[in-house]
Amino acid sequence: MNKPSPDQTPVRLLHICPDCGSDLVQPTNWEQTASRGHWRIWRRCPECEWSCDGIHGEQEIDSFDEQLDLGTSELTQELRALEHANMAEMASAFSAALARDLIGPEDFA
């Protein structure tokens, strides 16, 4: 039986939970193995609490890293949007309080 060459080996999607299908699987720990280009990664799904550890090659790690970067970017964009909405709401409330003379110099002492 012939083994697939490294170029033909399917890359597992490490960010997908094999139990619930969530695409939010996160690394919790990692360490390089004695075999160059391979890492032991401990992973956990925040939705169903599935967890495991396994040794993975560079292609899988690179793909996982790209997905983690995409997730980080999405979270950063969402945080900025929330901060903007919060600041707009605070500015509106402050402006309304100023217009009603509810804020005086003593509030800043």
PDB file of N, CA and C in Angstrom:
ATOM      1  N   MET A   1       0.842  -1.172   0.000  1.00  0.00           N
ATOM      2  CA  MET A   1       0.000   0.000   0.000  1.00  0.00           C
ATOM      3  C   MET A   1       0.887   1.234   0.000  1.00  0.00           C
ATOM      4  N   ASN A   2       0.635   2.145  -0.901  1.00  0.00           N
ATOM      5  CA  ASN A   2       1.449   3.347  -1.022  1.00  0.00           C
ATOM      6  C   ASN A   2       0.935   4.442  -0.099  1.00  0.00           C
ATOM      7  N   LYS A   3       1.865   5.069   0.597  1.00  0.00           N
ATOM      8  CA  LYS A   3       1.519   6.213   1.435  1.00  0.00           C
ATOM      9  C   LYS A   3       1.467   7.441   0.537  1.00  0.00           C
ATOM     10  N   PRO A   4       0.536   8.388   0.839  1.00  0.00           N
ATOM     11  CA  PRO A   4       0.514   9.612   0.038  1.00  0.00           C
ATOM     12  C   PRO A   4       1.768  10.423   0.305  1.00  0.00           C
ATOM     13  N   SER A   5       2.232  11.099  -0.726  1.00  0.00           N
ATOM     14  CA  SER A   5       3.404  11.956  -0.556  1.00  0.00           C
ATOM     15  C   SER A   5       3.003  13.133   0.319  1.00  0.00           C
ATOM     16  N   PRO A   6       3.980  13.836   0.912  1.00  0.00           N
ATOM     17  CA  PRO A   6       3.649  14.974   1.776  1.00  0.00           C
ATOM     18  C   PRO A   6       2.762  16.000   1.074  1.00  0.00           C
ATOM     19  N   ASP A   7       2.915  16.169  -0.245  1.00  0.00           N
ATOM     20  CA  ASP A   7       2.104  17.131  -0.972  1.00  0.00           C
ATOM     21  C   ASP A   7       0.650  16.657  -1.105  1.00  0.00           C
ATOM     22  N   GLN A   8       0.417  15.345  -0.995  1.00  0.00           N
ATOM     23  CA  GLN A   8      -0.926  14.801  -1.162  1.00  0.00           C
ATOM     24  C   GLN A   8      -1.633  14.556   0.176  1.00  0.00           C
ATOM     25  N   THR A   9      -0.914  14.660   1.267  1.00  0.00           N
ATOM     26  CA  THR A   9      -1.513  14.418   2.580  1.00  0.00           C
ATOM     27  C   THR A   9      -2.554  15.489   2.859  1.00  0.00           C
ATOM     28  N   PRO A  10      -3.789  15.091   3.153  1.00  0.00           N
ATOM     29  CA  PRO A  10      -4.810  16.105   3.422  1.00  0.00           C
ATOM     30  C   PRO A  10      -4.487  16.874   4.702  1.00  0.00           C
ATOM     31  N   VAL A  11      -4.714  18.166   4.656  1.00  0.00           N
ATOM     32  CA  VAL A  11      -4.469  19.018   5.817  1.00  0.00           C
ATOM     33  C   VAL A  11      -5.732  19.008   6.671  1.00  0.00           C
ATOM     34  N   ARG A  12      -5.570  18.589   7.926  1.00  0.00           N
ATOM     35  CA  ARG A  12      -6.704  18.621   8.856  1.00  0.00           C
ATOM     36  C   ARG A  12      -6.961  20.055   9.277  1.00  0.00           C
ATOM     37  N   LEU A  13      -8.209  20.395   9.416  1.00  0.00           N
ATOM     38  CA  LEU A  13      -8.588  21.733   9.850  1.00  0.00           C
ATOM     39  C   LEU A  13      -8.656  21.736  11.372  1.00  0.00           C
ATOM     40  N   LEU A  14      -7.573  22.166  11.988  1.00  0.00           N
ATOM     41  CA  LEU A  14      -7.449  22.091  13.441  1.00  0.00           C
ATOM     42  C   LEU A  14      -8.375  23.052  14.178  1.00  0.00           C
ATOM     43  N   HIS A  15      -8.928  24.035  13.482  1.00  0.00           N
ATOM     44  CA  HIS A  15      -9.828  24.989  14.133  1.00  0.00           C
ATOM     45  C   HIS A  15     -11.275  24.495  14.164  1.00  0.00           C
ATOM     46  N   ILE A  16     -11.551  23.338  13.559  1.00  0.00           N
ATOM     47  CA  ILE A  16     -12.898  22.769  13.534  1.00  0.00           C
ATOM     48  C   ILE A  16     -13.004  21.671  14.596  1.00  0.00           C
ATOM     49  N   CYS A  17     -14.025  21.766  15.430  1.00  0.00           N
ATOM     50  CA  CYS A  17     -14.245  20.763  16.475  1.00  0.00           C
ATOM     51  C   CYS A  17     -14.815  19.485  15.849  1.00  0.00           C
ATOM     52  N   PRO A  18     -14.181  18.343  16.095  1.00  0.00           N
ATOM     53  CA  PRO A  18     -14.698  17.093  15.531  1.00  0.00           C
ATOM     54  C   PRO A  18     -15.990  16.624  16.213  1.00  0.00           C
ATOM     55  N   ASP A  19     -16.300  17.166  17.382  1.00  0.00           N
ATOM     56  CA  ASP A  19     -17.519  16.756  18.088  1.00  0.00           C
ATOM     57  C   ASP A  19     -18.736  17.587  17.687  1.00  0.00           C
ATOM     58  N   CYS A  20     -18.606  18.924  17.751  1.00  0.00           N
ATOM     59  CA  CYS A  20     -19.777  19.769  17.506  1.00  0.00           C
ATOM     60  C   CYS A  20     -19.704  20.560  16.204  1.00  0.00           C
ATOM     61  N   GLY A  21     -18.537  20.558  15.539  1.00  0.00           N
ATOM     62  CA  GLY A  21     -18.399  21.268  14.268  1.00  0.00           C
ATOM     63  C   GLY A  21     -18.101  22.752  14.394  1.00  0.00           C
ATOM     64  N   SER A  22     -17.957  23.247  15.613  1.00  0.00           N
ATOM     65  CA  SER A  22     -17.646  24.658  15.827  1.00  0.00           C
ATOM     66  C   SER A  22     -16.314  24.997  15.161  1.00  0.00           C
ATOM     67  N   ASP A  23     -16.211  26.223  14.644  1.00  0.00           N
ATOM     68  CA  ASP A  23     -14.944  26.655  14.066  1.00  0.00           C
ATOM     69  C   ASP A  23     -14.170  27.563  15.022  1.00  0.00           C
ATOM     70  N   LEU A  24     -14.403  27.370  16.320  1.00  0.00           N
ATOM     71  CA  LEU A  24     -13.758  28.206  17.339  1.00  0.00           C
ATOM     72  C   LEU A  24     -12.716  27.464  18.174  1.00  0.00           C
ATOM     73  N   VAL A  25     -12.247  26.318  17.719  1.00  0.00           N
ATOM     74  CA  VAL A  25     -11.259  25.548  18.486  1.00  0.00           C
ATOM     75  C   VAL A  25      -9.993  26.381  18.663  1.00  0.00           C
ATOM     76  N   GLN A  26      -9.475  26.380  19.879  1.00  0.00           N
ATOM     77  CA  GLN A  26      -8.339  27.219  20.244  1.00  0.00           C
ATOM     78  C   GLN A  26      -7.198  26.376  20.790  1.00  0.00           C
ATOM     79  N   PRO A  27      -5.973  26.825  20.551  1.00  0.00           N
ATOM     80  CA  PRO A  27      -4.838  26.135  21.180  1.00  0.00           C
ATOM     81  C   PRO A  27      -4.760  26.555  22.647  1.00  0.00           C
ATOM     82  N   THR A  28      -4.467  25.609  23.513  1.00  0.00           N
ATOM     83  CA  THR A  28      -4.282  25.945  24.926  1.00  0.00           C
ATOM     84  C   THR A  28      -2.828  25.813  25.347  1.00  0.00           C
ATOM     85  N   ASN A  29      -2.068  25.046  24.580  1.00  0.00           N
ATOM     86  CA  ASN A  29      -0.641  24.869  24.858  1.00  0.00           C
ATOM     87  C   ASN A  29      -0.004  24.244  23.627  1.00  0.00           C
ATOM     88  N   TRP A  30       1.299  24.390  23.504  1.00  0.00           N
ATOM     89  CA  TRP A  30       2.017  23.772  22.398  1.00  0.00           C
ATOM     90  C   TRP A  30       3.471  23.623  22.763  1.00  0.00           C
ATOM     91  N   GLU A  31       4.103  22.647  22.139  1.00  0.00           N
ATOM     92  CA  GLU A  31       5.538  22.458  22.331  1.00  0.00           C
ATOM     93  C   GLU A  31       6.099  21.787  21.079  1.00  0.00           C
ATOM     94  N   GLN A  32       7.319  22.136  20.758  1.00  0.00           N
ATOM     95  CA  GLN A  32       7.965  21.528  19.602  1.00  0.00           C
ATOM     96  C   GLN A  32       8.384  20.105  19.958  1.00  0.00           C
ATOM     97  N   THR A  33       8.239  19.210  19.006  1.00  0.00           N
ATOM     98  CA  THR A  33       8.635  17.823  19.235  1.00  0.00           C
ATOM     99  C   THR A  33      10.074  17.630  18.797  1.00  0.00           C
ATOM    100  N   ALA A  34      10.597  16.449  19.037  1.00  0.00           N
ATOM    101  CA  ALA A  34      11.960  16.135  18.615  1.00  0.00           C
ATOM    102  C   ALA A  34      12.050  16.100  17.091  1.00  0.00           C
ATOM    103  N   SER A  35      10.941  15.832  16.441  1.00  0.00           N
ATOM    104  CA  SER A  35      10.902  15.782  14.978  1.00  0.00           C
ATOM    105  C   SER A  35      10.743  17.201  14.431  1.00  0.00           C
ATOM    106  N   ARG A  36      11.724  17.658  13.708  1.00  0.00           N
ATOM    107  CA  ARG A  36      11.713  19.020  13.161  1.00  0.00           C
ATOM    108  C   ARG A  36      10.457  19.257  12.311  1.00  0.00           C
ATOM    109  N   GLY A  37       9.828  20.403  12.520  1.00  0.00           N
ATOM    110  CA  GLY A  37       8.648  20.756  11.750  1.00  0.00           C
ATOM    111  C   GLY A  37       7.355  20.202  12.306  1.00  0.00           C
ATOM    112  N   HIS A  38       7.414  19.576  13.476  1.00  0.00           N
ATOM    113  CA  HIS A  38       6.207  19.032  14.098  1.00  0.00           C
ATOM    114  C   HIS A  38       6.045  19.610  15.498  1.00  0.00           C
ATOM    115  N   TRP A  39       4.798  19.826  15.854  1.00  0.00           N
ATOM    116  CA  TRP A  39       4.471  20.402  17.146  1.00  0.00           C
ATOM    117  C   TRP A  39       3.379  19.588  17.810  1.00  0.00           C
ATOM    118  N   ARG A  40       3.460  19.463  19.130  1.00  0.00           N
ATOM    119  CA  ARG A  40       2.359  18.894  19.909  1.00  0.00           C
ATOM    120  C   ARG A  40       1.502  20.079  20.328  1.00  0.00           C
ATOM    121  N   ILE A  41       0.232  20.001  19.993  1.00  0.00           N
ATOM    122  CA  ILE A  41      -0.697  21.086  20.306  1.00  0.00           C
ATOM    123  C   ILE A  41      -1.864  20.534  21.117  1.00  0.00           C
ATOM    124  N   TRP A  42      -2.163  21.224  22.194  1.00  0.00           N
ATOM    125  CA  TRP A  42      -3.335  20.928  22.994  1.00  0.00           C
ATOM    126  C   TRP A  42      -4.410  21.916  22.523  1.00  0.00           C
ATOM    127  N   ARG A  43      -5.588  21.382  22.191  1.00  0.00           N
ATOM    128  CA  ARG A  43      -6.670  22.212  21.676  1.00  0.00           C
ATOM    129  C   ARG A  43      -7.940  22.009  22.494  1.00  0.00           C
ATOM    130  N   ARG A  44      -8.805  23.029  22.457  1.00  0.00           N
ATOM    131  CA  ARG A  44     -10.058  22.992  23.217  1.00  0.00           C
ATOM    132  C   ARG A  44     -11.139  23.731  22.444  1.00  0.00           C
ATOM    133  N   CYS A  45     -12.344  23.176  22.474  1.00  0.00           N
ATOM    134  CA  CYS A  45     -13.511  23.827  21.878  1.00  0.00           C
ATOM    135  C   CYS A  45     -14.268  24.553  22.984  1.00  0.00           C
ATOM    136  N   PRO A  46     -14.469  25.863  22.860  1.00  0.00           N
ATOM    137  CA  PRO A  46     -15.180  26.596  23.901  1.00  0.00           C
ATOM    138  C   PRO A  46     -16.686  26.358  23.899  1.00  0.00           C
ATOM    139  N   GLU A  47     -17.192  25.746  22.836  1.00  0.00           N
ATOM    140  CA  GLU A  47     -18.643  25.542  22.756  1.00  0.00           C
ATOM    141  C   GLU A  47     -19.098  24.232  23.401  1.00  0.00           C
ATOM    142  N   CYS A  48     -18.343  23.146  23.193  1.00  0.00           N
ATOM    143  CA  CYS A  48     -18.774  21.854  23.751  1.00  0.00           C
ATOM    144  C   CYS A  48     -17.770  21.289  24.755  1.00  0.00           C
ATOM    145  N   GLU A  49     -16.663  22.016  24.989  1.00  0.00           N
ATOM    146  CA  GLU A  49     -15.615  21.625  25.944  1.00  0.00           C
ATOM    147  C   GLU A  49     -14.802  20.406  25.496  1.00  0.00           C
ATOM    148  N   TRP A  50     -14.893  20.036  24.218  1.00  0.00           N
ATOM    149  CA  TRP A  50     -14.038  18.974  23.689  1.00  0.00           C
ATOM    150  C   TRP A  50     -12.594  19.445  23.800  1.00  0.00           C
ATOM    151  N   SER A  51     -11.684  18.520  24.070  1.00  0.00           N
ATOM    152  CA  SER A  51     -10.258  18.870  24.097  1.00  0.00           C
ATOM    153  C   SER A  51      -9.440  17.650  23.697  1.00  0.00           C
ATOM    154  N   CYS A  52      -8.237  17.916  23.220  1.00  0.00           N
ATOM    155  CA  CYS A  52      -7.321  16.837  22.858  1.00  0.00           C
ATOM    156  C   CYS A  52      -5.928  17.417  22.696  1.00  0.00           C
ATOM    157  N   ASP A  53      -4.973  16.531  22.507  1.00  0.00           N
ATOM    158  CA  ASP A  53      -3.648  16.964  22.108  1.00  0.00           C
ATOM    159  C   ASP A  53      -3.191  16.030  21.000  1.00  0.00           C
ATOM    160  N   GLY A  54      -2.328  16.545  20.169  1.00  0.00           N
ATOM    161  CA  GLY A  54      -1.829  15.745  19.066  1.00  0.00           C
ATOM    162  C   GLY A  54      -0.613  16.393  18.440  1.00  0.00           C
ATOM    163  N   ILE A  55       0.084  15.616  17.657  1.00  0.00           N
ATOM    164  CA  ILE A  55       1.270  16.110  16.965  1.00  0.00           C
ATOM    165  C   ILE A  55       0.874  16.422  15.529  1.00  0.00           C
ATOM    166  N   HIS A  56       1.254  17.610  15.089  1.00  0.00           N
ATOM    167  CA  HIS A  56       0.840  18.090  13.775  1.00  0.00           C
ATOM    168  C   HIS A  56       2.027  18.671  13.019  1.00  0.00           C
ATOM    169  N   GLY A  57       1.971  18.537  11.700  1.00  0.00           N
ATOM    170  CA  GLY A  57       3.027  19.034  10.833  1.00  0.00           C
ATOM    171  C   GLY A  57       2.825  20.498  10.470  1.00  0.00           C
ATOM    172  N   GLU A  58       3.801  21.005   9.718  1.00  0.00           N
ATOM    173  CA  GLU A  58       3.823  22.433   9.394  1.00  0.00           C
ATOM    174  C   GLU A  58       2.605  22.897   8.605  1.00  0.00           C
ATOM    175  N   GLN A  59       2.133  22.091   7.655  1.00  0.00           N
ATOM    176  CA  GLN A  59       0.972  22.504   6.863  1.00  0.00           C
ATOM    177  C   GLN A  59      -0.251  22.701   7.743  1.00  0.00           C
ATOM    178  N   GLU A  60      -0.485  21.763   8.636  1.00  0.00           N
ATOM    179  CA  GLU A  60      -1.635  21.874   9.539  1.00  0.00           C
ATOM    180  C   GLU A  60      -1.477  23.073  10.471  1.00  0.00           C
ATOM    181  N   ILE A  61      -0.264  23.252  10.980  1.00  0.00           N
ATOM    182  CA  ILE A  61       0.006  24.364  11.897  1.00  0.00           C
ATOM    183  C   ILE A  61      -0.172  25.696  11.167  1.00  0.00           C
ATOM    184  N   ASP A  62       0.352  25.794   9.955  1.00  0.00           N
ATOM    185  CA  ASP A  62       0.220  27.036   9.187  1.00  0.00           C
ATOM    186  C   ASP A  62      -1.245  27.363   8.906  1.00  0.00           C
ATOM    187  N   SER A  63      -2.019  26.351   8.539  1.00  0.00           N
ATOM    188  CA  SER A  63      -3.444  26.552   8.283  1.00  0.00           C
ATOM    189  C   SER A  63      -4.165  26.995   9.557  1.00  0.00           C
ATOM    190  N   PHE A  64      -3.852  26.341  10.672  1.00  0.00           N
ATOM    191  CA  PHE A  64      -4.443  26.689  11.968  1.00  0.00           C
ATOM    192  C   PHE A  64      -4.073  28.120  12.338  1.00  0.00           C
ATOM    193  N   ASP A  65      -2.820  28.479  12.144  1.00  0.00           N
ATOM    194  CA  ASP A  65      -2.343  29.826  12.457  1.00  0.00           C
ATOM    195  C   ASP A  65      -3.079  30.879  11.628  1.00  0.00           C
ATOM    196  N   GLU A  66      -3.308  30.591  10.358  1.00  0.00           N
ATOM    197  CA  GLU A  66      -4.051  31.523   9.505  1.00  0.00           C
ATOM    198  C   GLU A  66      -5.471  31.715  10.027  1.00  0.00           C
ATOM    199  N   GLN A  67      -6.115  30.633  10.441  1.00  0.00           N
ATOM    200  CA  GLN A  67      -7.473  30.731  10.985  1.00  0.00           C
ATOM    201  C   GLN A  67      -7.480  31.519  12.295  1.00  0.00           C
ATOM    202  N   LEU A  68      -6.466  31.316  13.120  1.00  0.00           N
ATOM    203  CA  LEU A  68      -6.374  32.081  14.371  1.00  0.00           C
ATOM    204  C   LEU A  68      -6.178  33.565  14.081  1.00  0.00           C
ATOM    205  N   ASP A  69      -5.363  33.883  13.074  1.00  0.00           N
ATOM    206  CA  ASP A  69      -5.166  35.280  12.676  1.00  0.00           C
ATOM    207  C   ASP A  69      -6.466  35.903  12.181  1.00  0.00           C
ATOM    208  N   LEU A  70      -7.228  35.150  11.378  1.00  0.00           N
ATOM    209  CA  LEU A  70      -8.520  35.644  10.891  1.00  0.00           C
ATOM    210  C   LEU A  70      -9.471  35.904  12.061  1.00  0.00           C
ATOM    211  N   GLY A  71      -9.494  34.986  13.015  1.00  0.00           N
ATOM    212  CA  GLY A  71     -10.339  35.161  14.198  1.00  0.00           C
ATOM    213  C   GLY A  71      -9.931  36.371  15.013  1.00  0.00           C
ATOM    214  N   THR A  72      -8.633  36.574  15.159  1.00  0.00           N
ATOM    215  CA  THR A  72      -8.130  37.742  15.887  1.00  0.00           C
ATOM    216  C   THR A  72      -8.555  39.025  15.187  1.00  0.00           C
ATOM    217  N   SER A  73      -8.458  39.037  13.876  1.00  0.00           N
ATOM    218  CA  SER A  73      -8.855  40.204  13.093  1.00  0.00           C
ATOM    219  C   SER A  73     -10.349  40.490  13.256  1.00  0.00           C
ATOM    220  N   GLU A  74     -11.167  39.453  13.197  1.00  0.00           N
ATOM    221  CA  GLU A  74     -12.615  39.625  13.376  1.00  0.00           C
ATOM    222  C   GLU A  74     -12.933  40.171  14.769  1.00  0.00           C
ATOM    223  N   LEU A  75     -12.276  39.614  15.791  1.00  0.00           N
ATOM    224  CA  LEU A  75     -12.512  40.090  17.159  1.00  0.00           C
ATOM    225  C   LEU A  75     -12.072  41.546  17.322  1.00  0.00           C
ATOM    226  N   THR A  76     -10.955  41.911  16.722  1.00  0.00           N
ATOM    227  CA  THR A  76     -10.457  43.281  16.802  1.00  0.00           C
ATOM    228  C   THR A  76     -11.433  44.246  16.144  1.00  0.00           C
ATOM    229  N   GLN A  77     -11.950  43.871  14.975  1.00  0.00           N
ATOM    230  CA  GLN A  77     -12.920  44.730  14.285  1.00  0.00           C
ATOM    231  C   GLN A  77     -14.195  44.881  15.119  1.00  0.00           C
ATOM    232  N   GLU A  78     -14.645  43.794  15.707  1.00  0.00           N
ATOM    233  CA  GLU A  78     -15.858  43.839  16.531  1.00  0.00           C
ATOM    234  C   GLU A  78     -15.625  44.706  17.769  1.00  0.00           C
ATOM    235  N   LEU A  79     -14.456  44.579  18.394  1.00  0.00           N
ATOM    236  CA  LEU A  79     -14.132  45.400  19.563  1.00  0.00           C
ATOM    237  C   LEU A  79     -14.132  46.878  19.194  1.00  0.00           C
ATOM    238  N   ARG A  80     -13.526  47.219  18.061  1.00  0.00           N
ATOM    239  CA  ARG A  80     -13.507  48.627  17.628  1.00  0.00           C
ATOM    240  C   ARG A  80     -14.923  49.150  17.397  1.00  0.00           C
ATOM    241  N   ALA A  81     -15.761  48.330  16.787  1.00  0.00           N
ATOM    242  CA  ALA A  81     -17.144  48.742  16.538  1.00  0.00           C
ATOM    243  C   ALA A  81     -17.884  48.962  17.858  1.00  0.00           C
ATOM    244  N   LEU A  82     -17.682  48.066  18.826  1.00  0.00           N
ATOM    245  CA  LEU A  82     -18.320  48.223  20.136  1.00  0.00           C
ATOM    246  C   LEU A  82     -17.806  49.461  20.864  1.00  0.00           C
ATOM    247  N   GLU A  83     -16.492  49.694  20.807  1.00  0.00           N
ATOM    248  CA  GLU A  83     -15.928  50.880  21.451  1.00  0.00           C
ATOM    249  C   GLU A  83     -16.502  52.149  20.827  1.00  0.00           C
ATOM    250  N   HIS A  84     -16.605  52.160  19.498  1.00  0.00           N
ATOM    251  CA  HIS A  84     -17.148  53.326  18.803  1.00  0.00           C
ATOM    252  C   HIS A  84     -18.600  53.560  19.224  1.00  0.00           C
ATOM    253  N   ALA A  85     -19.397  52.498  19.250  1.00  0.00           N
ATOM    254  CA  ALA A  85     -20.804  52.619  19.651  1.00  0.00           C
ATOM    255  C   ALA A  85     -20.915  53.110  21.099  1.00  0.00           C
ATOM    256  N   ASN A  86     -20.078  52.575  21.990  1.00  0.00           N
ATOM    257  CA  ASN A  86     -20.104  52.997  23.391  1.00  0.00           C
ATOM    258  C   ASN A  86     -19.719  54.465  23.539  1.00  0.00           C
ATOM    259  N   MET A  87     -18.670  54.878  22.826  1.00  0.00           N
ATOM    260  CA  MET A  87     -18.233  56.275  22.913  1.00  0.00           C
ATOM    261  C   MET A  87     -19.291  57.208  22.339  1.00  0.00           C
ATOM    262  N   ALA A  88     -19.936  56.805  21.253  1.00  0.00           N
ATOM    263  CA  ALA A  88     -20.996  57.631  20.664  1.00  0.00           C
ATOM    264  C   ALA A  88     -22.154  57.779  21.647  1.00  0.00           C
ATOM    265  N   GLU A  89     -22.502  56.696  22.324  1.00  0.00           N
ATOM    266  CA  GLU A  89     -23.588  56.736  23.309  1.00  0.00           C
ATOM    267  C   GLU A  89     -23.216  57.636  24.489  1.00  0.00           C
ATOM    268  N   MET A  90     -21.965  57.526  24.961  1.00  0.00           N
ATOM    269  CA  MET A  90     -21.523  58.371  26.077  1.00  0.00           C
ATOM    270  C   MET A  90     -21.499  59.842  25.668  1.00  0.00           C
ATOM    271  N   ALA A  91     -21.035  60.122  24.462  1.00  0.00           N
ATOM    272  CA  ALA A  91     -20.983  61.508  23.987  1.00  0.00           C
ATOM    273  C   ALA A  91     -22.391  62.074  23.864  1.00  0.00           C
ATOM    274  N   SER A  92     -23.322  61.266  23.389  1.00  0.00           N
ATOM    275  CA  SER A  92     -24.709  61.709  23.265  1.00  0.00           C
ATOM    276  C   SER A  92     -25.306  62.006  24.641  1.00  0.00           C
ATOM    277  N   ALA A  93     -25.060  61.119  25.604  1.00  0.00           N
ATOM    278  CA  ALA A  93     -25.573  61.323  26.961  1.00  0.00           C
ATOM    279  C   ALA A  93     -24.944  62.558  27.597  1.00  0.00           C
ATOM    280  N   PHE A  94     -23.650  62.761  27.393  1.00  0.00           N
ATOM    281  CA  PHE A  94     -22.945  63.927  27.947  1.00  0.00           C
ATOM    282  C   PHE A  94     -23.492  65.206  27.323  1.00  0.00           C
ATOM    283  N   SER A  95     -23.697  65.172  26.011  1.00  0.00           N
ATOM    284  CA  SER A  95     -24.222  66.340  25.305  1.00  0.00           C
ATOM    285  C   SER A  95     -25.633  66.683  25.802  1.00  0.00           C
ATOM    286  N   ALA A  96     -26.457  65.667  25.983  1.00  0.00           N
ATOM    287  CA  ALA A  96     -27.822  65.892  26.477  1.00  0.00           C
ATOM    288  C   ALA A  96     -27.781  66.454  27.901  1.00  0.00           C
ATOM    289  N   ALA A  97     -26.891  65.959  28.740  1.00  0.00           N
ATOM    290  CA  ALA A  97     -26.765  66.457  30.113  1.00  0.00           C
ATOM    291  C   ALA A  97     -26.299  67.905  30.116  1.00  0.00           C
ATOM    292  N   LEU A  98     -25.372  68.258  29.227  1.00  0.00           N
ATOM    293  CA  LEU A  98     -24.922  69.657  29.123  1.00  0.00           C
ATOM    294  C   LEU A  98     -26.073  70.562  28.690  1.00  0.00           C
ATOM    295  N   ALA A  99     -26.843  70.105  27.715  1.00  0.00           N
ATOM    296  CA  ALA A  99     -27.956  70.909  27.204  1.00  0.00           C
ATOM    297  C   ALA A  99     -29.009  71.158  28.274  1.00  0.00           C
ATOM    298  N   ARG A 100     -29.163  70.259  29.218  1.00  0.00           N
ATOM    299  CA  ARG A 100     -30.169  70.410  30.289  1.00  0.00           C
ATOM    300  C   ARG A 100     -29.575  71.024  31.554  1.00  0.00           C
ATOM    301  N   ASP A 101     -28.348  71.491  31.463  1.00  0.00           N
ATOM    302  CA  ASP A 101     -27.645  72.085  32.615  1.00  0.00           C
ATOM    303  C   ASP A 101     -27.556  71.127  33.797  1.00  0.00           C
ATOM    304  N   LEU A 102     -27.381  69.852  33.502  1.00  0.00           N
ATOM    305  CA  LEU A 102     -27.243  68.843  34.554  1.00  0.00           C
ATOM    306  C   LEU A 102     -25.788  68.653  34.977  1.00  0.00           C
ATOM    307  N   ILE A 103     -24.871  69.292  34.261  1.00  0.00           N
ATOM    308  CA  ILE A 103     -23.447  69.172  34.565  1.00  0.00           C
ATOM    309  C   ILE A 103     -22.900  70.556  34.863  1.00  0.00           C
ATOM    310  N   GLY A 104     -22.231  70.670  35.997  1.00  0.00           N
ATOM    311  CA  GLY A 104     -21.655  71.944  36.392  1.00  0.00           C
ATOM    312  C   GLY A 104     -20.173  71.794  36.707  1.00  0.00           C
ATOM    313  N   PRO A 105     -19.499  72.904  37.011  1.00  0.00           N
ATOM    314  CA  PRO A 105     -18.063  72.879  37.312  1.00  0.00           C
ATOM    315  C   PRO A 105     -17.715  71.955  38.485  1.00  0.00           C
ATOM    316  N   GLU A 106     -18.627  71.826  39.434  1.00  0.00           N
ATOM    317  CA  GLU A 106     -18.364  70.988  40.602  1.00  0.00           C
ATOM    318  C   GLU A 106     -18.237  69.499  40.224  1.00  0.00           C
ATOM    319  N   ASP A 107     -18.791  69.135  39.097  1.00  0.00           N
ATOM    320  CA  ASP A 107     -18.686  67.747  38.639  1.00  0.00           C
ATOM    321  C   ASP A 107     -17.258  67.389  38.203  1.00  0.00           C
ATOM    322  N   PHE A 108     -16.422  68.400  38.006  1.00  0.00           N
ATOM    323  CA  PHE A 108     -15.053  68.161  37.519  1.00  0.00           C
ATOM    324  C   PHE A 108     -14.022  68.495  38.585  1.00  0.00           C
ATOM    325  N   ALA A 109     -14.440  68.764  39.795  1.00  0.00           N
ATOM    326  CA  ALA A 109     -13.511  69.134  40.854  1.00  0.00           C
ATOM    327  C   ALA A 109     -12.935  67.912  41.526  1.00  0.00           C
TER     328      ALA A 109
END
